[in-house]
Amino acid sequence: MSRSPGSALERASLRSVAARGAFHLLSCAADRSDRSVLPIPAGGVGLVGCASSGARAARDAHDPRAVTCEPLARHGQVLLLIACGARAQLELNGLPAPRVAALRPGDELRLGPAAPLLFVDFYREPPFVIAGPEHAGRQCQLCRGPIEAGRRVLACDCGALTHADPREEREPAPGPESLDCALRTCTGCSRELVTEAGYVRGGGADGRPS
């Protein structure tokens, strides 16, 4: 892209956005198995309306009908920044969209009069990692026990680590060496943590945002 729309909203590094998950555009359908899902890449994409799925990638980066979508992070939140081309016919939450806007999970958009409605949601993955040698010997943020290389941990962006052994290693009879200290809030920085993969707004219910 010749000009990054994220500069107006303090666009964060793509790595920090991608680490949290990905924005998805979900088509409206009563049967969830028939809903199309369009992931927005961390580097952004230009979209034009599509009568079947609601949106498709623009073949020409300079297509005046295209709407540029780019994920960004600001003040700990993830947003989807959109910039409309000169001939784009974008409807946002039932109203004509401004040339530039920041979308959040739960927003609705339509890329043209003939295109079906799309819902914006953010699919989050838990920040589980396998502890490496560089983590060994550090303390778990909750139980203060040592972190061992090769064990799964929950890693907050602030650098705090907590034990997060997989459930199958803790059931049916958890052993003394099996630990799961992961909480939904980091005890180091109070940031919300994701412990299960899923959509921020549930991915929509019956074709509507939840």
N, C-alpha and C. Protein backbone atom coordinates (compact mmCIF):
# COMPACT_ATOMS: atom_id res chain seq x y z
N MET A 1 0.84 -1.19 0.00
CA MET A 1 0.00 0.00 0.00
C MET A 1 0.88 1.24 0.00
N SER A 2 0.51 2.18 -0.83
CA SER A 2 1.33 3.36 -0.95
C SER A 2 1.25 4.25 0.28
N ARG A 3 0.08 4.22 0.95
CA ARG A 3 -0.08 5.06 2.12
C ARG A 3 -0.79 4.27 3.21
N SER A 4 -0.19 4.15 4.35
CA SER A 4 -0.77 3.35 5.42
C SER A 4 -1.84 4.14 6.14
N PRO A 5 -3.12 3.65 6.13
CA PRO A 5 -4.17 4.38 6.81
C PRO A 5 -4.00 4.37 8.30
N GLY A 6 -3.19 3.45 8.84
CA GLY A 6 -3.03 3.35 10.27
C GLY A 6 -2.26 4.49 10.90
N SER A 7 -1.57 5.29 10.10
CA SER A 7 -0.76 6.35 10.67
C SER A 7 -1.60 7.36 11.43
N ALA A 8 -2.87 7.53 11.08
CA ALA A 8 -3.73 8.50 11.75
C ALA A 8 -4.13 8.04 13.15
N LEU A 9 -3.99 6.77 13.42
CA LEU A 9 -4.41 6.24 14.72
C LEU A 9 -3.27 5.49 15.41
N GLU A 10 -2.08 5.99 15.28
CA GLU A 10 -0.92 5.43 15.96
C GLU A 10 -0.81 3.93 15.70
N ARG A 11 -0.72 3.58 14.45
CA ARG A 11 -0.69 2.16 14.06
C ARG A 11 0.46 1.44 14.73
N ALA A 12 0.13 0.33 15.39
CA ALA A 12 1.15 -0.46 16.09
C ALA A 12 1.79 -1.43 15.12
N SER A 13 2.80 -2.12 15.59
CA SER A 13 3.48 -3.09 14.74
C SER A 13 2.54 -4.23 14.39
N LEU A 14 2.71 -4.77 13.18
CA LEU A 14 1.86 -5.88 12.75
C LEU A 14 2.06 -7.09 13.64
N ARG A 15 3.22 -7.23 14.17
CA ARG A 15 3.50 -8.38 15.03
C ARG A 15 2.63 -8.35 16.27
N SER A 16 2.44 -7.18 16.88
CA SER A 16 1.66 -7.11 18.11
C SER A 16 0.19 -7.39 17.83
N VAL A 17 -0.33 -6.98 16.66
CA VAL A 17 -1.71 -7.26 16.32
C VAL A 17 -1.89 -8.74 16.04
N ALA A 18 -1.01 -9.31 15.22
CA ALA A 18 -1.12 -10.71 14.85
C ALA A 18 -1.02 -11.62 16.07
N ALA A 19 -0.26 -11.21 17.07
CA ALA A 19 -0.09 -12.04 18.26
C ALA A 19 -1.40 -12.18 19.03
N ARG A 20 -2.32 -11.22 18.87
CA ARG A 20 -3.58 -11.26 19.59
C ARG A 20 -4.64 -12.08 18.86
N GLY A 21 -4.51 -12.24 17.55
CA GLY A 21 -5.50 -12.98 16.78
C GLY A 21 -5.69 -12.35 15.41
N ALA A 22 -6.90 -12.41 14.88
CA ALA A 22 -7.17 -11.88 13.55
C ALA A 22 -8.61 -11.41 13.43
N PHE A 23 -8.80 -10.33 12.67
CA PHE A 23 -10.15 -9.88 12.36
C PHE A 23 -10.74 -10.80 11.29
N HIS A 24 -12.05 -11.11 11.46
CA HIS A 24 -12.77 -11.88 10.48
C HIS A 24 -14.01 -11.11 10.06
N LEU A 25 -14.37 -11.19 8.78
CA LEU A 25 -15.65 -10.68 8.29
C LEU A 25 -16.53 -11.90 8.04
N LEU A 26 -17.67 -11.96 8.72
CA LEU A 26 -18.55 -13.12 8.65
C LEU A 26 -19.84 -12.74 7.95
N SER A 27 -20.24 -13.56 6.96
CA SER A 27 -21.47 -13.29 6.23
C SER A 27 -22.68 -13.65 7.08
N CYS A 28 -23.81 -13.06 6.74
CA CYS A 28 -25.05 -13.30 7.46
C CYS A 28 -25.72 -14.55 6.90
N ALA A 29 -26.00 -15.52 7.77
CA ALA A 29 -26.72 -16.73 7.37
C ALA A 29 -27.29 -17.38 8.62
N ALA A 30 -28.55 -17.79 8.55
CA ALA A 30 -29.19 -18.41 9.70
C ALA A 30 -28.49 -19.72 10.06
N ASP A 31 -28.06 -20.45 9.03
CA ASP A 31 -27.32 -21.69 9.25
C ASP A 31 -25.84 -21.35 9.32
N ARG A 32 -25.25 -21.49 10.50
CA ARG A 32 -23.85 -21.08 10.68
C ARG A 32 -22.90 -21.88 9.80
N SER A 33 -23.29 -23.11 9.42
CA SER A 33 -22.40 -23.92 8.60
C SER A 33 -22.28 -23.34 7.19
N ASP A 34 -23.23 -22.46 6.80
CA ASP A 34 -23.19 -21.86 5.46
C ASP A 34 -22.54 -20.48 5.47
N ARG A 35 -22.09 -20.01 6.62
CA ARG A 35 -21.54 -18.67 6.69
C ARG A 35 -20.10 -18.66 6.16
N SER A 36 -19.81 -17.66 5.34
CA SER A 36 -18.44 -17.51 4.85
C SER A 36 -17.66 -16.66 5.84
N VAL A 37 -16.39 -16.95 5.96
CA VAL A 37 -15.51 -16.24 6.88
C VAL A 37 -14.30 -15.73 6.09
N LEU A 38 -14.10 -14.42 6.14
CA LEU A 38 -12.98 -13.81 5.42
C LEU A 38 -12.00 -13.24 6.44
N PRO A 39 -10.85 -13.90 6.66
CA PRO A 39 -9.85 -13.35 7.59
C PRO A 39 -9.15 -12.15 6.96
N ILE A 40 -8.88 -11.14 7.77
CA ILE A 40 -8.15 -9.97 7.32
C ILE A 40 -6.68 -10.16 7.69
N PRO A 41 -5.78 -10.21 6.71
CA PRO A 41 -4.36 -10.42 7.03
C PRO A 41 -3.79 -9.25 7.81
N ALA A 42 -2.75 -9.53 8.59
CA ALA A 42 -2.14 -8.50 9.44
C ALA A 42 -1.63 -7.32 8.62
N GLY A 43 -1.21 -7.57 7.37
CA GLY A 43 -0.69 -6.51 6.54
C GLY A 43 -1.76 -5.69 5.84
N GLY A 44 -3.04 -6.06 6.02
CA GLY A 44 -4.12 -5.33 5.40
C GLY A 44 -4.49 -5.89 4.04
N VAL A 45 -5.66 -5.49 3.52
CA VAL A 45 -6.13 -5.97 2.24
C VAL A 45 -7.15 -4.97 1.69
N GLY A 46 -7.22 -4.88 0.36
CA GLY A 46 -8.24 -4.08 -0.30
C GLY A 46 -9.40 -4.99 -0.69
N LEU A 47 -10.64 -4.59 -0.37
CA LEU A 47 -11.81 -5.42 -0.62
C LEU A 47 -12.81 -4.69 -1.50
N VAL A 48 -13.52 -5.47 -2.30
CA VAL A 48 -14.65 -4.95 -3.07
C VAL A 48 -15.84 -5.86 -2.78
N GLY A 49 -17.05 -5.36 -3.04
CA GLY A 49 -18.25 -6.13 -2.75
C GLY A 49 -18.37 -7.35 -3.63
N CYS A 50 -19.02 -8.39 -3.08
CA CYS A 50 -19.25 -9.64 -3.79
C CYS A 50 -20.66 -10.11 -3.44
N ALA A 51 -21.49 -10.42 -4.48
CA ALA A 51 -22.88 -10.77 -4.25
C ALA A 51 -23.05 -12.08 -3.48
N SER A 52 -22.08 -12.98 -3.59
CA SER A 52 -22.22 -14.29 -2.94
C SER A 52 -21.67 -14.30 -1.52
N SER A 53 -20.43 -13.84 -1.34
CA SER A 53 -19.79 -13.92 -0.03
C SER A 53 -19.78 -12.59 0.72
N GLY A 54 -20.12 -11.50 0.05
CA GLY A 54 -20.11 -10.20 0.69
C GLY A 54 -18.89 -9.37 0.38
N ALA A 55 -17.73 -10.05 0.20
CA ALA A 55 -16.50 -9.31 -0.09
C ALA A 55 -15.47 -10.26 -0.70
N ARG A 56 -14.60 -9.68 -1.51
CA ARG A 56 -13.47 -10.42 -2.07
C ARG A 56 -12.31 -9.45 -2.21
N ALA A 57 -11.12 -10.00 -2.30
CA ALA A 57 -9.93 -9.16 -2.45
C ALA A 57 -9.96 -8.45 -3.79
N ALA A 58 -9.62 -7.18 -3.77
CA ALA A 58 -9.58 -6.40 -5.01
C ALA A 58 -8.42 -6.86 -5.87
N ARG A 59 -8.65 -7.02 -7.16
CA ARG A 59 -7.59 -7.45 -8.07
C ARG A 59 -6.59 -6.34 -8.32
N ASP A 60 -7.06 -5.10 -8.26
CA ASP A 60 -6.22 -3.93 -8.49
C ASP A 60 -6.12 -3.14 -7.19
N ALA A 61 -4.91 -2.95 -6.70
CA ALA A 61 -4.71 -2.23 -5.44
C ALA A 61 -5.21 -0.80 -5.51
N HIS A 62 -5.34 -0.26 -6.73
CA HIS A 62 -5.78 1.12 -6.90
C HIS A 62 -7.24 1.21 -7.37
N ASP A 63 -7.98 0.13 -7.24
CA ASP A 63 -9.39 0.12 -7.63
C ASP A 63 -10.14 1.17 -6.81
N PRO A 64 -10.77 2.16 -7.45
CA PRO A 64 -11.47 3.21 -6.69
C PRO A 64 -12.69 2.71 -5.93
N ARG A 65 -13.15 1.49 -6.26
CA ARG A 65 -14.29 0.91 -5.54
C ARG A 65 -13.85 0.19 -4.27
N ALA A 66 -12.55 -0.01 -4.11
CA ALA A 66 -12.05 -0.83 -3.01
C ALA A 66 -12.09 -0.11 -1.67
N VAL A 67 -12.23 -0.93 -0.64
CA VAL A 67 -12.14 -0.46 0.75
C VAL A 67 -10.93 -1.12 1.37
N THR A 68 -9.96 -0.34 1.77
CA THR A 68 -8.75 -0.88 2.39
C THR A 68 -9.03 -1.18 3.86
N CYS A 69 -8.74 -2.40 4.29
CA CYS A 69 -8.94 -2.82 5.68
C CYS A 69 -7.59 -3.18 6.27
N GLU A 70 -7.28 -2.61 7.41
CA GLU A 70 -5.98 -2.86 8.02
C GLU A 70 -6.11 -2.93 9.54
N PRO A 71 -5.70 -4.05 10.16
CA PRO A 71 -5.75 -4.15 11.62
C PRO A 71 -4.71 -3.24 12.26
N LEU A 72 -5.04 -2.73 13.42
CA LEU A 72 -4.08 -1.93 14.17
C LEU A 72 -4.36 -2.09 15.66
N ALA A 73 -3.38 -1.74 16.46
CA ALA A 73 -3.51 -1.80 17.92
C ALA A 73 -3.33 -0.40 18.47
N ARG A 74 -4.19 -0.03 19.41
CA ARG A 74 -4.09 1.29 20.02
C ARG A 74 -4.54 1.20 21.47
N HIS A 75 -3.65 1.61 22.36
CA HIS A 75 -3.96 1.63 23.80
C HIS A 75 -4.47 0.27 24.28
N GLY A 76 -3.86 -0.80 23.79
CA GLY A 76 -4.23 -2.14 24.23
C GLY A 76 -5.44 -2.72 23.53
N GLN A 77 -6.08 -1.97 22.63
CA GLN A 77 -7.24 -2.46 21.89
C GLN A 77 -6.85 -2.77 20.45
N VAL A 78 -7.59 -3.71 19.85
CA VAL A 78 -7.38 -4.01 18.45
C VAL A 78 -8.55 -3.43 17.67
N LEU A 79 -8.25 -2.74 16.58
CA LEU A 79 -9.25 -2.09 15.75
C LEU A 79 -9.02 -2.49 14.30
N LEU A 80 -10.05 -2.33 13.48
CA LEU A 80 -9.91 -2.56 12.05
C LEU A 80 -10.14 -1.23 11.36
N LEU A 81 -9.06 -0.65 10.84
CA LEU A 81 -9.13 0.64 10.18
C LEU A 81 -9.53 0.44 8.72
N ILE A 82 -10.53 1.21 8.26
CA ILE A 82 -10.95 1.12 6.87
C ILE A 82 -10.76 2.48 6.21
N ALA A 83 -10.38 2.45 4.93
CA ALA A 83 -10.23 3.66 4.13
C ALA A 83 -10.92 3.39 2.79
N CYS A 84 -11.92 4.18 2.47
CA CYS A 84 -12.74 3.96 1.29
C CYS A 84 -12.15 4.63 0.06
N GLY A 85 -12.18 3.92 -1.06
CA GLY A 85 -11.77 4.50 -2.33
C GLY A 85 -12.78 5.54 -2.79
N ALA A 86 -12.43 6.28 -3.83
CA ALA A 86 -13.28 7.38 -4.30
C ALA A 86 -14.66 6.92 -4.75
N ARG A 87 -14.77 5.67 -5.25
CA ARG A 87 -16.06 5.16 -5.74
C ARG A 87 -16.62 4.05 -4.86
N ALA A 88 -16.07 3.87 -3.69
CA ALA A 88 -16.56 2.83 -2.78
C ALA A 88 -17.94 3.18 -2.26
N GLN A 89 -18.83 2.18 -2.20
CA GLN A 89 -20.17 2.36 -1.68
C GLN A 89 -20.32 1.53 -0.41
N LEU A 90 -19.74 2.00 0.65
CA LEU A 90 -19.71 1.24 1.90
C LEU A 90 -20.78 1.75 2.85
N GLU A 91 -21.49 0.80 3.42
CA GLU A 91 -22.49 1.09 4.45
C GLU A 91 -21.98 0.53 5.77
N LEU A 92 -21.96 1.36 6.80
CA LEU A 92 -21.45 0.95 8.11
C LEU A 92 -22.54 1.12 9.16
N ASN A 93 -22.93 0.02 9.76
CA ASN A 93 -23.99 0.02 10.79
C ASN A 93 -25.25 0.72 10.29
N GLY A 94 -25.61 0.44 9.03
CA GLY A 94 -26.84 0.95 8.46
C GLY A 94 -26.77 2.35 7.90
N LEU A 95 -25.61 2.99 7.92
CA LEU A 95 -25.46 4.35 7.44
C LEU A 95 -24.29 4.43 6.45
N PRO A 96 -24.31 5.44 5.57
CA PRO A 96 -23.16 5.61 4.67
C PRO A 96 -21.89 5.81 5.49
N ALA A 97 -20.83 5.10 5.11
CA ALA A 97 -19.59 5.14 5.89
C ALA A 97 -18.77 6.37 5.54
N PRO A 98 -18.05 6.93 6.51
CA PRO A 98 -17.09 8.01 6.21
C PRO A 98 -15.92 7.45 5.42
N ARG A 99 -15.10 8.32 4.89
CA ARG A 99 -13.97 7.86 4.09
C ARG A 99 -13.00 7.03 4.91
N VAL A 100 -12.81 7.38 6.17
CA VAL A 100 -11.91 6.64 7.06
C VAL A 100 -12.65 6.39 8.37
N ALA A 101 -12.56 5.16 8.88
CA ALA A 101 -13.23 4.83 10.14
C ALA A 101 -12.51 3.69 10.82
N ALA A 102 -12.67 3.60 12.13
CA ALA A 102 -12.10 2.51 12.92
C ALA A 102 -13.23 1.60 13.37
N LEU A 103 -13.17 0.33 12.97
CA LEU A 103 -14.22 -0.63 13.29
C LEU A 103 -13.82 -1.47 14.50
N ARG A 104 -14.85 -1.90 15.22
CA ARG A 104 -14.66 -2.76 16.38
C ARG A 104 -15.48 -4.03 16.21
N PRO A 105 -15.16 -5.08 16.94
CA PRO A 105 -15.98 -6.30 16.88
C PRO A 105 -17.44 -5.97 17.17
N GLY A 106 -18.33 -6.50 16.33
CA GLY A 106 -19.75 -6.24 16.48
C GLY A 106 -20.29 -5.25 15.46
N ASP A 107 -19.41 -4.52 14.77
CA ASP A 107 -19.86 -3.61 13.73
C ASP A 107 -20.36 -4.39 12.52
N GLU A 108 -21.23 -3.74 11.72
CA GLU A 108 -21.79 -4.34 10.52
C GLU A 108 -21.41 -3.50 9.31
N LEU A 109 -21.09 -4.14 8.21
CA LEU A 109 -20.79 -3.38 7.02
C LEU A 109 -21.29 -4.09 5.77
N ARG A 110 -21.54 -3.29 4.75
CA ARG A 110 -21.99 -3.79 3.45
C ARG A 110 -21.18 -3.09 2.38
N LEU A 111 -20.49 -3.87 1.55
CA LEU A 111 -19.62 -3.31 0.52
C LEU A 111 -20.35 -3.19 -0.81
N GLY A 112 -21.37 -2.36 -0.86
CA GLY A 112 -22.12 -2.16 -2.09
C GLY A 112 -23.57 -2.57 -1.94
N PRO A 113 -24.46 -1.97 -2.73
CA PRO A 113 -25.90 -2.24 -2.62
C PRO A 113 -26.28 -3.70 -2.81
N ALA A 114 -25.57 -4.41 -3.68
CA ALA A 114 -25.93 -5.81 -3.97
C ALA A 114 -25.21 -6.81 -3.08
N ALA A 115 -24.33 -6.34 -2.22
CA ALA A 115 -23.54 -7.24 -1.38
C ALA A 115 -24.28 -7.55 -0.08
N PRO A 116 -24.20 -8.78 0.41
CA PRO A 116 -24.85 -9.10 1.69
C PRO A 116 -24.12 -8.47 2.87
N LEU A 117 -24.81 -8.43 3.99
CA LEU A 117 -24.26 -7.82 5.20
C LEU A 117 -23.13 -8.68 5.76
N LEU A 118 -22.11 -8.01 6.29
CA LEU A 118 -20.98 -8.68 6.92
C LEU A 118 -20.83 -8.20 8.35
N PHE A 119 -20.46 -9.10 9.21
CA PHE A 119 -20.22 -8.77 10.61
C PHE A 119 -18.73 -8.79 10.90
N VAL A 120 -18.30 -7.85 11.68
CA VAL A 120 -16.89 -7.74 12.06
C VAL A 120 -16.70 -8.41 13.42
N ASP A 121 -15.75 -9.31 13.51
CA ASP A 121 -15.42 -9.91 14.80
C ASP A 121 -13.93 -10.18 14.84
N PHE A 122 -13.42 -10.37 16.03
CA PHE A 122 -11.99 -10.61 16.21
C PHE A 122 -11.80 -11.97 16.86
N TYR A 123 -11.10 -12.85 16.16
CA TYR A 123 -10.84 -14.20 16.67
C TYR A 123 -9.54 -14.20 17.45
N ARG A 124 -9.63 -14.52 18.72
CA ARG A 124 -8.46 -14.46 19.59
C ARG A 124 -7.92 -15.85 19.90
N GLU A 125 -6.63 -15.96 19.88
CA GLU A 125 -5.93 -17.19 20.26
C GLU A 125 -5.24 -16.96 21.60
N PRO A 126 -5.32 -17.90 22.54
CA PRO A 126 -4.61 -17.73 23.81
C PRO A 126 -3.11 -17.64 23.58
N PRO A 127 -2.42 -16.78 24.30
CA PRO A 127 -0.97 -16.63 24.11
C PRO A 127 -0.17 -17.72 24.83
N PHE A 128 -0.50 -18.99 24.50
CA PHE A 128 0.25 -20.11 25.06
C PHE A 128 1.55 -20.29 24.28
N VAL A 129 2.63 -20.53 24.97
CA VAL A 129 3.91 -20.82 24.34
C VAL A 129 4.58 -21.94 25.12
N ILE A 130 5.50 -22.61 24.47
CA ILE A 130 6.31 -23.61 25.16
C ILE A 130 7.55 -22.90 25.68
N ALA A 131 7.74 -22.97 26.97
CA ALA A 131 8.88 -22.27 27.59
C ALA A 131 10.20 -22.79 27.02
N GLY A 132 11.06 -21.85 26.67
CA GLY A 132 12.37 -22.20 26.15
C GLY A 132 13.45 -22.00 27.20
N PRO A 133 14.69 -22.23 26.84
CA PRO A 133 15.80 -22.04 27.80
C PRO A 133 15.85 -20.62 28.36
N GLU A 134 15.40 -19.64 27.55
CA GLU A 134 15.44 -18.26 28.03
C GLU A 134 14.41 -17.98 29.12
N HIS A 135 13.40 -18.89 29.23
CA HIS A 135 12.38 -18.72 30.27
C HIS A 135 12.69 -19.53 31.52
N ALA A 136 13.52 -20.54 31.38
CA ALA A 136 13.79 -21.45 32.50
C ALA A 136 14.34 -20.69 33.71
N GLY A 137 13.78 -21.03 34.86
CA GLY A 137 14.24 -20.41 36.10
C GLY A 137 13.45 -19.18 36.50
N ARG A 138 12.68 -18.61 35.56
CA ARG A 138 11.85 -17.46 35.92
C ARG A 138 10.69 -17.91 36.80
N GLN A 139 10.09 -17.00 37.52
CA GLN A 139 9.00 -17.35 38.42
C GLN A 139 7.65 -17.23 37.73
N CYS A 140 6.76 -18.18 38.07
CA CYS A 140 5.37 -18.07 37.66
C CYS A 140 4.77 -16.85 38.37
N GLN A 141 4.03 -16.04 37.64
CA GLN A 141 3.49 -14.80 38.20
C GLN A 141 2.49 -15.05 39.32
N LEU A 142 1.87 -16.25 39.33
CA LEU A 142 0.86 -16.53 40.35
C LEU A 142 1.40 -17.33 41.53
N CYS A 143 1.96 -18.53 41.24
CA CYS A 143 2.38 -19.39 42.35
C CYS A 143 3.83 -19.16 42.77
N ARG A 144 4.57 -18.38 42.00
CA ARG A 144 5.97 -18.06 42.26
C ARG A 144 6.89 -19.27 42.14
N GLY A 145 6.36 -20.37 41.59
CA GLY A 145 7.20 -21.53 41.35
C GLY A 145 8.03 -21.33 40.10
N PRO A 146 9.06 -22.13 39.89
CA PRO A 146 9.94 -21.94 38.73
C PRO A 146 9.29 -22.37 37.42
N ILE A 147 9.61 -21.67 36.36
CA ILE A 147 9.20 -22.05 35.01
C ILE A 147 10.25 -23.00 34.46
N GLU A 148 9.79 -24.13 33.92
CA GLU A 148 10.70 -25.13 33.39
C GLU A 148 10.64 -25.14 31.87
N ALA A 149 11.77 -25.25 31.22
CA ALA A 149 11.82 -25.33 29.77
C ALA A 149 11.06 -26.56 29.29
N GLY A 150 10.31 -26.41 28.19
CA GLY A 150 9.55 -27.52 27.64
C GLY A 150 8.13 -27.60 28.13
N ARG A 151 7.76 -26.79 29.14
CA ARG A 151 6.39 -26.79 29.67
C ARG A 151 5.60 -25.66 29.04
N ARG A 152 4.29 -25.87 28.89
CA ARG A 152 3.45 -24.82 28.33
C ARG A 152 3.18 -23.73 29.37
N VAL A 153 3.27 -22.47 28.92
CA VAL A 153 2.99 -21.34 29.80
C VAL A 153 2.11 -20.34 29.06
N LEU A 154 1.43 -19.49 29.83
CA LEU A 154 0.66 -18.39 29.27
C LEU A 154 1.53 -17.14 29.38
N ALA A 155 1.80 -16.51 28.25
CA ALA A 155 2.73 -15.38 28.21
C ALA A 155 1.97 -14.09 27.93
N CYS A 156 1.98 -13.17 28.89
CA CYS A 156 1.35 -11.86 28.71
C CYS A 156 2.30 -10.95 27.93
N ASP A 157 1.73 -9.94 27.27
CA ASP A 157 2.54 -8.99 26.52
C ASP A 157 3.52 -8.24 27.43
N CYS A 158 3.18 -8.15 28.72
CA CYS A 158 4.05 -7.43 29.64
C CYS A 158 5.28 -8.24 30.02
N GLY A 159 5.31 -9.53 29.63
CA GLY A 159 6.44 -10.39 29.93
C GLY A 159 6.19 -11.38 31.04
N ALA A 160 5.06 -11.25 31.74
CA ALA A 160 4.74 -12.18 32.83
C ALA A 160 4.40 -13.56 32.28
N LEU A 161 4.83 -14.59 32.98
CA LEU A 161 4.56 -15.98 32.60
C LEU A 161 3.81 -16.68 33.71
N THR A 162 2.86 -17.57 33.34
CA THR A 162 2.18 -18.40 34.33
C THR A 162 2.12 -19.82 33.80
N HIS A 163 2.18 -20.79 34.72
CA HIS A 163 2.06 -22.19 34.34
C HIS A 163 0.71 -22.42 33.65
N ALA A 164 0.70 -23.25 32.60
CA ALA A 164 -0.54 -23.53 31.88
C ALA A 164 -0.46 -24.92 31.26
N ASP A 165 -0.29 -25.93 32.09
CA ASP A 165 -0.24 -27.29 31.58
C ASP A 165 -1.57 -27.65 30.93
N PRO A 166 -1.55 -28.34 29.77
CA PRO A 166 -2.79 -28.72 29.10
C PRO A 166 -3.69 -29.55 30.01
N ARG A 167 -5.01 -29.43 29.80
CA ARG A 167 -5.98 -30.11 30.66
C ARG A 167 -5.77 -31.61 30.69
N GLU A 168 -5.43 -32.20 29.52
CA GLU A 168 -5.25 -33.66 29.50
C GLU A 168 -4.11 -34.12 30.38
N GLU A 169 -3.20 -33.22 30.73
CA GLU A 169 -2.11 -33.58 31.62
C GLU A 169 -2.49 -33.38 33.08
N ARG A 170 -3.69 -32.77 33.31
CA ARG A 170 -4.13 -32.52 34.69
C ARG A 170 -5.31 -33.38 35.09
N GLU A 171 -5.94 -34.08 34.15
CA GLU A 171 -7.11 -34.88 34.45
C GLU A 171 -6.87 -36.32 34.01
N PRO A 172 -7.56 -37.31 34.66
CA PRO A 172 -8.53 -37.15 35.74
C PRO A 172 -7.93 -36.98 37.13
N ALA A 173 -6.64 -37.26 37.24
CA ALA A 173 -6.01 -37.18 38.56
C ALA A 173 -4.77 -36.30 38.47
N PRO A 174 -4.91 -34.99 38.71
CA PRO A 174 -3.75 -34.10 38.61
C PRO A 174 -2.63 -34.53 39.55
N GLY A 175 -1.44 -34.53 39.01
CA GLY A 175 -0.30 -34.89 39.83
C GLY A 175 0.33 -33.67 40.46
N PRO A 176 1.24 -33.88 41.38
CA PRO A 176 1.86 -32.75 42.07
C PRO A 176 2.70 -31.87 41.16
N GLU A 177 3.10 -32.39 39.99
CA GLU A 177 3.95 -31.62 39.10
C GLU A 177 3.14 -30.94 37.99
N SER A 178 1.81 -31.16 37.97
CA SER A 178 0.97 -30.55 36.95
C SER A 178 0.37 -29.27 37.49
N LEU A 179 0.60 -28.17 36.78
CA LEU A 179 0.17 -26.87 37.27
C LEU A 179 -0.60 -26.11 36.20
N ASP A 180 -1.64 -25.41 36.63
CA ASP A 180 -2.38 -24.52 35.75
C ASP A 180 -2.70 -23.26 36.54
N CYS A 181 -1.86 -22.26 36.40
CA CYS A 181 -2.01 -21.02 37.15
C CYS A 181 -2.60 -19.90 36.32
N ALA A 182 -2.94 -20.20 35.05
CA ALA A 182 -3.40 -19.16 34.15
C ALA A 182 -4.73 -18.59 34.60
N LEU A 183 -4.81 -17.27 34.70
CA LEU A 183 -6.03 -16.56 35.04
C LEU A 183 -6.46 -15.70 33.86
N ARG A 184 -7.67 -15.15 33.92
CA ARG A 184 -8.17 -14.29 32.86
C ARG A 184 -7.64 -12.86 32.96
N THR A 185 -6.97 -12.57 34.05
CA THR A 185 -6.36 -11.25 34.22
C THR A 185 -4.93 -11.42 34.66
N CYS A 186 -4.01 -10.73 34.01
CA CYS A 186 -2.60 -10.83 34.37
C CYS A 186 -2.39 -10.19 35.74
N THR A 187 -1.76 -10.91 36.63
CA THR A 187 -1.49 -10.36 37.96
C THR A 187 -0.32 -9.38 37.94
N GLY A 188 0.36 -9.30 36.80
CA GLY A 188 1.47 -8.36 36.69
C GLY A 188 1.06 -6.98 36.21
N CYS A 189 0.16 -6.94 35.18
CA CYS A 189 -0.23 -5.65 34.60
C CYS A 189 -1.73 -5.42 34.57
N SER A 190 -2.51 -6.41 35.07
CA SER A 190 -3.98 -6.32 35.13
C SER A 190 -4.64 -6.36 33.75
N ARG A 191 -3.91 -6.75 32.73
CA ARG A 191 -4.47 -6.85 31.38
C ARG A 191 -5.31 -8.11 31.26
N GLU A 192 -6.42 -8.03 30.50
CA GLU A 192 -7.25 -9.21 30.27
C GLU A 192 -6.48 -10.23 29.44
N LEU A 193 -6.56 -11.48 29.84
CA LEU A 193 -5.89 -12.56 29.11
C LEU A 193 -6.93 -13.51 28.54
N VAL A 194 -6.63 -14.10 27.41
CA VAL A 194 -7.51 -15.07 26.77
C VAL A 194 -6.97 -16.46 27.06
N THR A 195 -7.80 -17.30 27.65
CA THR A 195 -7.38 -18.67 27.96
C THR A 195 -8.04 -19.70 27.05
N GLU A 196 -9.02 -19.28 26.26
CA GLU A 196 -9.68 -20.17 25.30
C GLU A 196 -9.86 -19.42 23.98
N ALA A 197 -9.61 -20.12 22.87
CA ALA A 197 -9.77 -19.49 21.56
C ALA A 197 -11.24 -19.19 21.30
N GLY A 198 -11.51 -18.09 20.61
CA GLY A 198 -12.88 -17.76 20.27
C GLY A 198 -13.03 -16.32 19.84
N TYR A 199 -14.24 -15.98 19.42
CA TYR A 199 -14.54 -14.63 18.97
C TYR A 199 -14.86 -13.71 20.14
N VAL A 200 -14.48 -12.44 19.99
CA VAL A 200 -14.77 -11.44 21.02
C VAL A 200 -16.28 -11.29 21.19
N ARG A 201 -17.03 -11.28 20.06
CA ARG A 201 -18.48 -11.13 20.11
C ARG A 201 -19.19 -12.44 19.77
N GLY A 202 -18.52 -13.55 19.97
CA GLY A 202 -19.15 -14.84 19.78
C GLY A 202 -19.29 -15.29 18.34
N GLY A 203 -18.80 -14.50 17.39
CA GLY A 203 -18.92 -14.88 15.99
C GLY A 203 -20.30 -14.66 15.41
N GLY A 204 -21.18 -14.02 16.19
CA GLY A 204 -22.55 -13.80 15.73
C GLY A 204 -23.42 -14.98 16.06
N ALA A 205 -24.69 -14.73 16.28
CA ALA A 205 -25.65 -15.80 16.59
C ALA A 205 -26.84 -15.63 15.67
N ASP A 206 -27.18 -16.71 14.93
CA ASP A 206 -28.30 -16.68 13.99
C ASP A 206 -28.17 -15.53 12.99
N GLY A 207 -26.92 -15.28 12.58
CA GLY A 207 -26.70 -14.26 11.59
C GLY A 207 -26.66 -12.86 12.15
N ARG A 208 -26.69 -12.70 13.46
CA ARG A 208 -26.63 -11.38 14.07
C ARG A 208 -25.48 -11.34 15.06
N PRO A 209 -24.90 -10.18 15.30
CA PRO A 209 -23.84 -10.10 16.29
C PRO A 209 -24.37 -10.47 17.66
N SER A 210 -23.54 -11.14 18.45
CA SER A 210 -23.98 -11.52 19.79
C SER A 210 -23.51 -10.52 20.80
